[in-house]
Amino acid sequence: MKFLIPGAISAFAGTTLAFALVITGTTFAEQNSRPEINRVVQEQNNLLNQPEYGAR
């Protein structure tokens, strides 16, 4: 019985710390912004001298 209470407290503390670590890591790793796309057609970026998304 003397191992039950410290073991339960340790399990609770470990679970709480693991949950906090996962939430913190997920928050810092999330990507919720779209990258900027350069829509300006430049001559060196053209394929066969035609824009990539031109009239067909």
N, C-alpha and C. Protein backbone atom coordinates (compact mmCIF):
# COMPACT_ATOMS: atom_id res chain seq x y z
N MET A 1 0.81 -1.19 0.00
CA MET A 1 0.00 0.00 0.00
C MET A 1 0.86 1.27 0.00
N LYS A 2 2.05 1.14 0.54
CA LYS A 2 2.88 2.35 0.59
C LYS A 2 3.48 2.69 -0.77
N PHE A 3 3.38 1.76 -1.74
CA PHE A 3 3.85 2.06 -3.10
C PHE A 3 2.73 2.54 -4.01
N LEU A 4 1.50 2.36 -3.59
CA LEU A 4 0.35 2.68 -4.45
C LEU A 4 0.19 4.19 -4.63
N ILE A 5 0.23 4.95 -3.57
CA ILE A 5 0.01 6.40 -3.66
C ILE A 5 1.16 7.09 -4.40
N PRO A 6 2.43 6.84 -4.07
CA PRO A 6 3.49 7.49 -4.86
C PRO A 6 3.48 7.05 -6.33
N GLY A 7 3.12 5.81 -6.59
CA GLY A 7 3.04 5.34 -7.98
C GLY A 7 1.93 6.04 -8.74
N ALA A 8 0.79 6.24 -8.10
CA ALA A 8 -0.33 6.93 -8.74
C ALA A 8 0.02 8.39 -8.98
N ILE A 9 0.67 9.01 -8.02
CA ILE A 9 1.08 10.41 -8.19
C ILE A 9 2.10 10.54 -9.32
N SER A 10 3.02 9.61 -9.38
CA SER A 10 4.03 9.61 -10.44
C SER A 10 3.40 9.39 -11.81
N ALA A 11 2.46 8.48 -11.90
CA ALA A 11 1.78 8.22 -13.17
C ALA A 11 0.98 9.44 -13.61
N PHE A 12 0.29 10.08 -12.67
CA PHE A 12 -0.48 11.28 -12.98
C PHE A 12 0.43 12.41 -13.45
N ALA A 13 1.54 12.61 -12.75
CA ALA A 13 2.48 13.67 -13.12
C ALA A 13 3.11 13.39 -14.49
N GLY A 14 3.46 12.15 -14.75
CA GLY A 14 4.05 11.80 -16.05
C GLY A 14 3.07 11.99 -17.18
N THR A 15 1.83 11.60 -16.96
CA THR A 15 0.80 11.77 -17.99
C THR A 15 0.53 13.24 -18.25
N THR A 16 0.47 14.03 -17.20
CA THR A 16 0.23 15.47 -17.35
C THR A 16 1.38 16.14 -18.09
N LEU A 17 2.60 15.82 -17.72
CA LEU A 17 3.76 16.41 -18.41
C LEU A 17 3.83 15.98 -19.87
N ALA A 18 3.53 14.72 -20.15
CA ALA A 18 3.55 14.24 -21.53
C ALA A 18 2.49 14.96 -22.36
N PHE A 19 1.30 15.13 -21.78
CA PHE A 19 0.23 15.83 -22.49
C PHE A 19 0.64 17.27 -22.78
N ALA A 20 1.21 17.95 -21.79
CA ALA A 20 1.65 19.33 -21.98
C ALA A 20 2.74 19.42 -23.04
N LEU A 21 3.65 18.46 -23.05
CA LEU A 21 4.73 18.45 -24.05
C LEU A 21 4.18 18.25 -25.45
N VAL A 22 3.23 17.35 -25.61
CA VAL A 22 2.64 17.10 -26.93
C VAL A 22 1.89 18.33 -27.42
N ILE A 23 1.10 18.96 -26.55
CA ILE A 23 0.35 20.14 -26.95
C ILE A 23 1.30 21.29 -27.31
N THR A 24 2.34 21.50 -26.52
CA THR A 24 3.31 22.55 -26.80
C THR A 24 4.06 22.29 -28.10
N GLY A 25 4.49 21.06 -28.31
CA GLY A 25 5.20 20.72 -29.55
C GLY A 25 4.33 20.88 -30.76
N THR A 26 3.07 20.49 -30.65
CA THR A 26 2.14 20.63 -31.78
C THR A 26 1.88 22.10 -32.09
N THR A 27 1.77 22.91 -31.06
CA THR A 27 1.53 24.34 -31.26
C THR A 27 2.69 25.00 -31.98
N PHE A 28 3.90 24.65 -31.61
CA PHE A 28 5.06 25.26 -32.26
C PHE A 28 5.31 24.70 -33.66
N ALA A 29 4.85 23.50 -33.95
CA ALA A 29 5.14 22.87 -35.23
C ALA A 29 4.06 23.10 -36.28
N GLU A 30 2.92 23.62 -35.89
CA GLU A 30 1.84 23.76 -36.86
C GLU A 30 2.15 24.84 -37.87
N GLN A 31 1.63 24.64 -39.06
CA GLN A 31 1.81 25.60 -40.14
C GLN A 31 0.43 26.02 -40.59
N ASN A 32 0.05 27.22 -40.24
CA ASN A 32 -1.28 27.68 -40.61
C ASN A 32 -1.23 28.96 -41.43
N SER A 33 -0.19 29.11 -42.21
CA SER A 33 -0.11 30.23 -43.13
C SER A 33 0.31 29.71 -44.50
N ARG A 34 -0.27 30.29 -45.51
CA ARG A 34 0.04 29.85 -46.87
C ARG A 34 1.27 30.58 -47.38
N PRO A 35 2.12 29.89 -48.12
CA PRO A 35 3.29 30.57 -48.67
C PRO A 35 2.90 31.53 -49.78
N GLU A 36 3.65 32.58 -49.92
CA GLU A 36 3.42 33.53 -51.00
C GLU A 36 3.92 32.93 -52.31
N ILE A 37 3.11 33.05 -53.35
CA ILE A 37 3.47 32.52 -54.66
C ILE A 37 3.71 33.69 -55.60
N ASN A 38 4.84 33.68 -56.24
CA ASN A 38 5.18 34.72 -57.20
C ASN A 38 4.45 34.44 -58.50
N ARG A 39 3.45 35.25 -58.82
CA ARG A 39 2.64 35.05 -60.03
C ARG A 39 3.16 35.87 -61.21
N VAL A 40 4.25 36.59 -61.02
CA VAL A 40 4.80 37.40 -62.11
C VAL A 40 5.53 36.47 -63.07
N VAL A 41 5.19 36.57 -64.35
CA VAL A 41 5.83 35.73 -65.36
C VAL A 41 7.11 36.40 -65.80
N GLN A 42 8.22 35.73 -65.59
CA GLN A 42 9.52 36.25 -66.00
C GLN A 42 10.04 35.40 -67.15
N GLU A 43 10.81 36.03 -67.99
CA GLU A 43 11.26 35.35 -69.20
C GLU A 43 12.08 34.10 -68.90
N GLN A 44 12.92 34.14 -67.89
CA GLN A 44 13.74 32.97 -67.59
C GLN A 44 12.93 31.85 -66.92
N ASN A 45 11.72 32.17 -66.44
CA ASN A 45 10.88 31.14 -65.82
C ASN A 45 9.88 30.53 -66.79
N ASN A 46 9.84 31.04 -68.00
CA ASN A 46 8.88 30.52 -68.97
C ASN A 46 9.31 29.16 -69.50
N LEU A 47 8.34 28.39 -69.88
CA LEU A 47 8.60 27.10 -70.51
C LEU A 47 8.28 27.24 -71.99
N LEU A 48 9.27 27.13 -72.83
CA LEU A 48 9.14 27.29 -74.28
C LEU A 48 8.55 28.65 -74.64
N ASN A 49 8.97 29.68 -73.91
CA ASN A 49 8.56 31.06 -74.15
C ASN A 49 7.05 31.29 -74.00
N GLN A 50 6.41 30.46 -73.20
CA GLN A 50 4.98 30.66 -72.92
C GLN A 50 4.80 30.62 -71.41
N PRO A 51 3.87 31.41 -70.90
CA PRO A 51 3.63 31.35 -69.47
C PRO A 51 3.09 29.99 -69.07
N GLU A 52 3.38 29.62 -67.82
CA GLU A 52 2.97 28.29 -67.34
C GLU A 52 1.46 28.13 -67.36
N TYR A 53 0.71 29.19 -67.02
CA TYR A 53 -0.74 29.11 -66.99
C TYR A 53 -1.32 30.11 -67.98
N GLY A 54 -1.04 29.93 -69.24
CA GLY A 54 -1.51 30.85 -70.25
C GLY A 54 -2.76 30.35 -70.94
N ALA A 55 -3.21 31.10 -71.91
CA ALA A 55 -4.39 30.70 -72.71
C ALA A 55 -4.02 29.49 -73.55
N ARG A 56 -4.96 28.61 -73.71
CA ARG A 56 -4.68 27.39 -74.47
C ARG A 56 -5.57 27.27 -75.67
